[in-house]
Amino acid sequence: MQLILVRHGLPENAHTRDTTNPPLSNQGRLQAKETCERLSREPIDAIYSSTLHRAVQSGEPLANRLGLSIVQQADIGEVDNGEDLYISPEAIKAAGDWETFLRDPIRYYGHDEREFTARVIGGFEKIMRADAGRRIAVFTHGFPINILLSHALGISGIANFVPRNGSITRLAGKSLSSLAVLSINETSHFSPEAAR
């Protein structure tokens, strides 16, 4: 089985603290289009996304090209899932809160790291059980990608990697306990406009 994890494209208001569950920006739509064009040349058996707009919209071009539906899985959503406010890492940096954020990134959003990690891992486990042995594209977020990578590599922490918007990360294995990391943060599919 292969999990192809895609971080959503850049959302609207990515550099502010004044929105909730934002849709993709124009830049994010371009990133999603180019990422999905790349993935449409591969055999994809199923498409999943979190329930957040930016993830669902990022997967739509691939679903349309392949004639597949997107299965939404709330458990692989970002830490702002169900919250009244979206605060991107870029907005945290701009506010000068980066060091505070890095000390306890999930608590920064008002959540417990263990509970959040267990929810995300459980969500990926559900996906792997439902589509065992298949190639699955999963449109998700920075922390869920970090959590699964850290789990697969056996390293502590949930902020070890910085997946770019629209990037592709690949893992393969028969179960969560046997996942191997094939690639992290692929972005070679971007045009100069999408890479900005």
C-alpha atoms as a PDB file:
ATOM      1  CA  MET A   1       0.000   0.000   0.000  1.00  0.00           C
ATOM      2  CA  GLN A   2       1.203   3.506  -0.722  1.00  0.00           C
ATOM      3  CA  LEU A   3      -0.003   6.673   0.981  1.00  0.00           C
ATOM      4  CA  ILE A   4       0.584   9.793  -1.107  1.00  0.00           C
ATOM      5  CA  LEU A   5       0.188  12.701   1.290  1.00  0.00           C
ATOM      6  CA  VAL A   6      -0.436  16.142  -0.172  1.00  0.00           C
ATOM      7  CA  ARG A   7      -0.372  19.297   1.908  1.00  0.00           C
ATOM      8  CA  HIS A   8      -3.212  21.542   0.762  1.00  0.00           C
ATOM      9  CA  GLY A   9      -2.532  24.589  -1.397  1.00  0.00           C
ATOM     10  CA  LEU A  10      -2.073  28.032   0.094  1.00  0.00           C
ATOM     11  CA  PRO A  11      -5.351  29.198   1.709  1.00  0.00           C
ATOM     12  CA  GLU A  12      -6.918  32.657   1.606  1.00  0.00           C
ATOM     13  CA  ASN A  13      -5.706  34.967   4.364  1.00  0.00           C
ATOM     14  CA  ALA A  14      -2.748  32.681   5.062  1.00  0.00           C
ATOM     15  CA  HIS A  15      -0.795  35.508   6.669  1.00  0.00           C
ATOM     16  CA  THR A  16      -3.531  36.843   8.955  1.00  0.00           C
ATOM     17  CA  ARG A  17      -5.513  35.690  11.982  1.00  0.00           C
ATOM     18  CA  ASP A  18      -8.948  36.734  10.803  1.00  0.00           C
ATOM     19  CA  THR A  19     -10.564  33.754   9.153  1.00  0.00           C
ATOM     20  CA  THR A  20     -11.987  30.322   9.903  1.00  0.00           C
ATOM     21  CA  ASN A  21     -11.785  27.282   7.593  1.00  0.00           C
ATOM     22  CA  PRO A  22     -10.487  29.344   4.675  1.00  0.00           C
ATOM     23  CA  PRO A  23     -10.806  28.255   1.037  1.00  0.00           C
ATOM     24  CA  LEU A  24      -7.827  28.140  -1.302  1.00  0.00           C
ATOM     25  CA  SER A  25      -6.317  31.364  -2.562  1.00  0.00           C
ATOM     26  CA  ASN A  26      -5.583  31.873  -6.268  1.00  0.00           C
ATOM     27  CA  GLN A  27      -2.023  30.713  -5.550  1.00  0.00           C
ATOM     28  CA  GLY A  28      -3.392  27.683  -3.695  1.00  0.00           C
ATOM     29  CA  ARG A  29      -5.636  26.747  -6.620  1.00  0.00           C
ATOM     30  CA  LEU A  30      -2.634  26.891  -8.955  1.00  0.00           C
ATOM     31  CA  GLN A  31      -0.625  24.693  -6.571  1.00  0.00           C
ATOM     32  CA  ALA A  32      -3.514  22.214  -6.340  1.00  0.00           C
ATOM     33  CA  LYS A  33      -3.917  22.130 -10.133  1.00  0.00           C
ATOM     34  CA  GLU A  34      -0.216  21.444 -10.740  1.00  0.00           C
ATOM     35  CA  THR A  35       0.021  18.863  -7.940  1.00  0.00           C
ATOM     36  CA  CYS A  36      -3.048  17.036  -9.233  1.00  0.00           C
ATOM     37  CA  GLU A  37      -1.755  17.137 -12.820  1.00  0.00           C
ATOM     38  CA  ARG A  38       1.386  15.377 -11.568  1.00  0.00           C
ATOM     39  CA  LEU A  39      -0.539  12.790  -9.568  1.00  0.00           C
ATOM     40  CA  SER A  40      -3.020  12.104 -12.390  1.00  0.00           C
ATOM     41  CA  ARG A  41      -0.179  10.409 -14.310  1.00  0.00           C
ATOM     42  CA  GLU A  42       0.117   7.789 -11.556  1.00  0.00           C
ATOM     43  CA  PRO A  43      -2.201   4.909 -10.708  1.00  0.00           C
ATOM     44  CA  ILE A  44      -4.376   6.245  -7.867  1.00  0.00           C
ATOM     45  CA  ASP A  45      -7.042   3.950  -6.450  1.00  0.00           C
ATOM     46  CA  ALA A  46      -8.711   6.253  -3.906  1.00  0.00           C
ATOM     47  CA  ILE A  47      -8.694   9.875  -2.784  1.00  0.00           C
ATOM     48  CA  TYR A  48      -9.149  11.081   0.790  1.00  0.00           C
ATOM     49  CA  SER A  49      -9.080  14.529   2.331  1.00  0.00           C
ATOM     50  CA  SER A  50      -9.747  16.181   5.637  1.00  0.00           C
ATOM     51  CA  THR A  51     -13.093  17.953   5.935  1.00  0.00           C
ATOM     52  CA  LEU A  52     -11.520  21.416   5.826  1.00  0.00           C
ATOM     53  CA  HIS A  53     -12.179  23.475   2.685  1.00  0.00           C
ATOM     54  CA  ARG A  54      -8.505  23.959   1.773  1.00  0.00           C
ATOM     55  CA  ALA A  55      -7.865  20.193   1.726  1.00  0.00           C
ATOM     56  CA  VAL A  56     -11.054  19.221  -0.117  1.00  0.00           C
ATOM     57  CA  GLN A  57     -10.497  21.912  -2.755  1.00  0.00           C
ATOM     58  CA  SER A  58      -6.888  20.778  -3.204  1.00  0.00           C
ATOM     59  CA  GLY A  59      -8.053  17.256  -4.065  1.00  0.00           C
ATOM     60  CA  GLU A  60     -10.884  18.239  -6.408  1.00  0.00           C
ATOM     61  CA  PRO A  61      -8.762  18.597  -9.578  1.00  0.00           C
ATOM     62  CA  LEU A  62      -7.449  15.040  -9.113  1.00  0.00           C
ATOM     63  CA  ALA A  63     -10.899  13.638  -8.363  1.00  0.00           C
ATOM     64  CA  ASN A  64     -12.274  15.322 -11.487  1.00  0.00           C
ATOM     65  CA  ARG A  65      -9.444  14.073 -13.706  1.00  0.00           C
ATOM     66  CA  LEU A  66      -9.632  10.482 -12.458  1.00  0.00           C
ATOM     67  CA  GLY A  67     -13.417  10.291 -12.037  1.00  0.00           C
ATOM     68  CA  LEU A  68     -13.074   9.367  -8.353  1.00  0.00           C
ATOM     69  CA  SER A  69     -14.945  10.766  -5.394  1.00  0.00           C
ATOM     70  CA  ILE A  70     -13.176  12.275  -2.396  1.00  0.00           C
ATOM     71  CA  VAL A  71     -13.752  10.468   0.890  1.00  0.00           C
ATOM     72  CA  GLN A  72     -13.634  13.050   3.664  1.00  0.00           C
ATOM     73  CA  GLN A  73     -12.038  12.001   6.941  1.00  0.00           C
ATOM     74  CA  ALA A  74     -12.260  14.558   9.782  1.00  0.00           C
ATOM     75  CA  ASP A  75      -9.617  12.808  11.889  1.00  0.00           C
ATOM     76  CA  ILE A  76      -6.819  13.766   9.474  1.00  0.00           C
ATOM     77  CA  GLY A  77      -7.767  17.462   9.739  1.00  0.00           C
ATOM     78  CA  GLU A  78      -5.490  20.166  11.018  1.00  0.00           C
ATOM     79  CA  VAL A  79      -5.473  21.388  14.593  1.00  0.00           C
ATOM     80  CA  ASP A  80      -7.942  24.173  13.680  1.00  0.00           C
ATOM     81  CA  ASN A  81     -10.583  21.623  12.603  1.00  0.00           C
ATOM     82  CA  GLY A  82     -13.818  22.723  14.263  1.00  0.00           C
ATOM     83  CA  GLU A  83     -12.282  25.940  15.597  1.00  0.00           C
ATOM     84  CA  ASP A  84     -13.482  29.492  15.064  1.00  0.00           C
ATOM     85  CA  LEU A  85     -10.096  30.747  13.885  1.00  0.00           C
ATOM     86  CA  TYR A  86      -7.401  29.597  11.459  1.00  0.00           C
ATOM     87  CA  ILE A  87      -3.878  30.752  12.298  1.00  0.00           C
ATOM     88  CA  SER A  88      -1.262  29.673   9.767  1.00  0.00           C
ATOM     89  CA  PRO A  89       2.420  29.181  10.647  1.00  0.00           C
ATOM     90  CA  GLU A  90       3.119  32.251   8.505  1.00  0.00           C
ATOM     91  CA  ALA A  91       0.761  34.365  10.643  1.00  0.00           C
ATOM     92  CA  ILE A  92       2.354  33.016  13.822  1.00  0.00           C
ATOM     93  CA  LYS A  93       5.799  34.048  12.550  1.00  0.00           C
ATOM     94  CA  ALA A  94       4.528  37.483  11.504  1.00  0.00           C
ATOM     95  CA  ALA A  95       3.081  38.004  15.004  1.00  0.00           C
ATOM     96  CA  GLY A  96       6.425  37.188  16.626  1.00  0.00           C
ATOM     97  CA  ASP A  97       5.014  34.092  18.372  1.00  0.00           C
ATOM     98  CA  TRP A  98       7.218  31.521  16.627  1.00  0.00           C
ATOM     99  CA  GLU A  99       9.312  30.525  19.663  1.00  0.00           C
ATOM    100  CA  THR A 100       6.207  30.137  21.832  1.00  0.00           C
ATOM    101  CA  PHE A 101       4.592  28.070  19.107  1.00  0.00           C
ATOM    102  CA  LEU A 102       7.619  25.768  18.721  1.00  0.00           C
ATOM    103  CA  ARG A 103       7.746  24.993  22.452  1.00  0.00           C
ATOM    104  CA  ASP A 104       4.294  23.350  22.321  1.00  0.00           C
ATOM    105  CA  PRO A 105       2.685  23.729  18.877  1.00  0.00           C
ATOM    106  CA  ILE A 106      -0.575  21.918  19.588  1.00  0.00           C
ATOM    107  CA  ARG A 107      -1.112  23.615  22.960  1.00  0.00           C
ATOM    108  CA  TYR A 108      -0.633  26.935  21.124  1.00  0.00           C
ATOM    109  CA  TYR A 109      -3.939  26.172  19.403  1.00  0.00           C
ATOM    110  CA  GLY A 110      -5.539  25.115  22.692  1.00  0.00           C
ATOM    111  CA  HIS A 111      -5.361  21.342  22.236  1.00  0.00           C
ATOM    112  CA  ASP A 112      -3.614  18.425  23.886  1.00  0.00           C
ATOM    113  CA  GLU A 113      -0.778  16.988  21.779  1.00  0.00           C
ATOM    114  CA  ARG A 114      -1.395  13.366  22.792  1.00  0.00           C
ATOM    115  CA  GLU A 115      -5.101  13.538  21.993  1.00  0.00           C
ATOM    116  CA  PHE A 116      -4.497  15.285  18.673  1.00  0.00           C
ATOM    117  CA  THR A 117      -1.759  12.827  17.681  1.00  0.00           C
ATOM    118  CA  ALA A 118      -3.940   9.831  18.605  1.00  0.00           C
ATOM    119  CA  ARG A 119      -6.831  11.243  16.560  1.00  0.00           C
ATOM    120  CA  VAL A 120      -4.627  11.789  13.495  1.00  0.00           C
ATOM    121  CA  ILE A 121      -2.966   8.365  13.729  1.00  0.00           C
ATOM    122  CA  GLY A 122      -6.399   6.799  14.178  1.00  0.00           C
ATOM    123  CA  GLY A 123      -7.618   8.591  11.058  1.00  0.00           C
ATOM    124  CA  PHE A 124      -4.737   7.282   8.960  1.00  0.00           C
ATOM    125  CA  GLU A 125      -5.305   3.814  10.385  1.00  0.00           C
ATOM    126  CA  LYS A 126      -8.962   3.934   9.272  1.00  0.00           C
ATOM    127  CA  ILE A 127      -7.855   4.914   5.760  1.00  0.00           C
ATOM    128  CA  MET A 128      -5.307   2.114   5.597  1.00  0.00           C
ATOM    129  CA  ARG A 129      -7.858  -0.450   6.795  1.00  0.00           C
ATOM    130  CA  ALA A 130     -10.511   0.717   4.342  1.00  0.00           C
ATOM    131  CA  ASP A 131      -8.203   0.677   1.329  1.00  0.00           C
ATOM    132  CA  ALA A 132      -5.557  -1.903   2.204  1.00  0.00           C
ATOM    133  CA  GLY A 133      -3.129  -2.708  -0.595  1.00  0.00           C
ATOM    134  CA  ARG A 134      -4.051   0.306  -2.720  1.00  0.00           C
ATOM    135  CA  ARG A 135      -2.421   3.586  -3.776  1.00  0.00           C
ATOM    136  CA  ILE A 136      -4.194   6.372  -1.943  1.00  0.00           C
ATOM    137  CA  ALA A 137      -3.875  10.133  -2.375  1.00  0.00           C
ATOM    138  CA  VAL A 138      -4.561  11.926   0.911  1.00  0.00           C
ATOM    139  CA  PHE A 139      -5.061  15.703   0.923  1.00  0.00           C
ATOM    140  CA  THR A 140      -4.261  16.870   4.414  1.00  0.00           C
ATOM    141  CA  HIS A 141      -2.248  19.390   6.449  1.00  0.00           C
ATOM    142  CA  GLY A 142       1.172  20.131   7.888  1.00  0.00           C
ATOM    143  CA  PHE A 143       0.721  18.647  11.355  1.00  0.00           C
ATOM    144  CA  PRO A 144      -0.941  15.402  10.215  1.00  0.00           C
ATOM    145  CA  ILE A 145       1.880  14.895   7.684  1.00  0.00           C
ATOM    146  CA  ASN A 146       4.432  15.547  10.444  1.00  0.00           C
ATOM    147  CA  ILE A 147       2.671  13.163  12.811  1.00  0.00           C
ATOM    148  CA  LEU A 148       2.634  10.298  10.318  1.00  0.00           C
ATOM    149  CA  LEU A 149       6.259  10.899   9.260  1.00  0.00           C
ATOM    150  CA  SER A 150       7.442  11.044  12.873  1.00  0.00           C
ATOM    151  CA  HIS A 151       5.491   7.862  13.624  1.00  0.00           C
ATOM    152  CA  ALA A 152       6.987   6.039  10.630  1.00  0.00           C
ATOM    153  CA  LEU A 153      10.532   7.181  11.432  1.00  0.00           C
ATOM    154  CA  GLY A 154      10.205   6.549  15.174  1.00  0.00           C
ATOM    155  CA  ILE A 155      11.201  10.081  16.147  1.00  0.00           C
ATOM    156  CA  SER A 156       9.688  12.271  18.834  1.00  0.00           C
ATOM    157  CA  GLY A 157       7.940  15.564  18.228  1.00  0.00           C
ATOM    158  CA  ILE A 158       5.327  16.591  15.711  1.00  0.00           C
ATOM    159  CA  ALA A 159       7.035  19.571  14.082  1.00  0.00           C
ATOM    160  CA  ASN A 160      10.103  17.940  12.554  1.00  0.00           C
ATOM    161  CA  PHE A 161       9.315  18.766   8.916  1.00  0.00           C
ATOM    162  CA  VAL A 162       8.052  21.771   6.983  1.00  0.00           C
ATOM    163  CA  PRO A 163       5.855  20.453   4.164  1.00  0.00           C
ATOM    164  CA  ARG A 164       5.264  23.155   1.572  1.00  0.00           C
ATOM    165  CA  ASN A 165       1.789  23.935   0.317  1.00  0.00           C
ATOM    166  CA  GLY A 166       1.020  21.519  -2.512  1.00  0.00           C
ATOM    167  CA  SER A 167       3.983  19.260  -1.701  1.00  0.00           C
ATOM    168  CA  ILE A 168       3.862  15.475  -1.981  1.00  0.00           C
ATOM    169  CA  THR A 169       5.136  13.060   0.689  1.00  0.00           C
ATOM    170  CA  ARG A 170       5.073   9.302   0.106  1.00  0.00           C
ATOM    171  CA  LEU A 171       4.962   6.393   2.547  1.00  0.00           C
ATOM    172  CA  ALA A 172       4.462   2.684   1.892  1.00  0.00           C
ATOM    173  CA  GLY A 173       3.735  -0.357   4.029  1.00  0.00           C
ATOM    174  CA  LYS A 174       1.152  -2.942   5.003  1.00  0.00           C
ATOM    175  CA  SER A 175       0.280  -1.306   8.321  1.00  0.00           C
ATOM    176  CA  LEU A 176       1.017   1.738  10.443  1.00  0.00           C
ATOM    177  CA  SER A 177       3.765  -0.177  12.221  1.00  0.00           C
ATOM    178  CA  SER A 178       5.554  -1.045   8.976  1.00  0.00           C
ATOM    179  CA  LEU A 179       5.481   2.252   7.099  1.00  0.00           C
ATOM    180  CA  ALA A 180       8.588   3.261   5.178  1.00  0.00           C
ATOM    181  CA  VAL A 181       9.165   6.824   4.032  1.00  0.00           C
ATOM    182  CA  LEU A 182       9.721   7.022   0.268  1.00  0.00           C
ATOM    183  CA  SER A 183       9.924  10.811  -0.135  1.00  0.00           C
ATOM    184  CA  ILE A 184       9.284  14.024   1.769  1.00  0.00           C
ATOM    185  CA  ASN A 185       8.166  17.393   0.437  1.00  0.00           C
ATOM    186  CA  GLU A 186       8.300  16.784  -3.338  1.00  0.00           C
ATOM    187  CA  THR A 187       7.824  20.066  -5.195  1.00  0.00           C
ATOM    188  CA  SER A 188       9.541  19.485  -8.546  1.00  0.00           C
ATOM    189  CA  HIS A 189       6.122  19.467 -10.251  1.00  0.00           C
ATOM    190  CA  PHE A 190       5.627  23.206  -9.598  1.00  0.00           C
ATOM    191  CA  SER A 191       5.959  25.884 -12.250  1.00  0.00           C
ATOM    192  CA  PRO A 192       7.827  29.033 -11.128  1.00  0.00           C
ATOM    193  CA  GLU A 193       4.448  30.706 -10.524  1.00  0.00           C
ATOM    194  CA  ALA A 194       3.224  27.941  -8.218  1.00  0.00           C
ATOM    195  CA  ALA A 195       6.540  27.721  -6.374  1.00  0.00           C
ATOM    196  CA  ARG A 196       6.425  31.376  -5.259  1.00  0.00           C
END
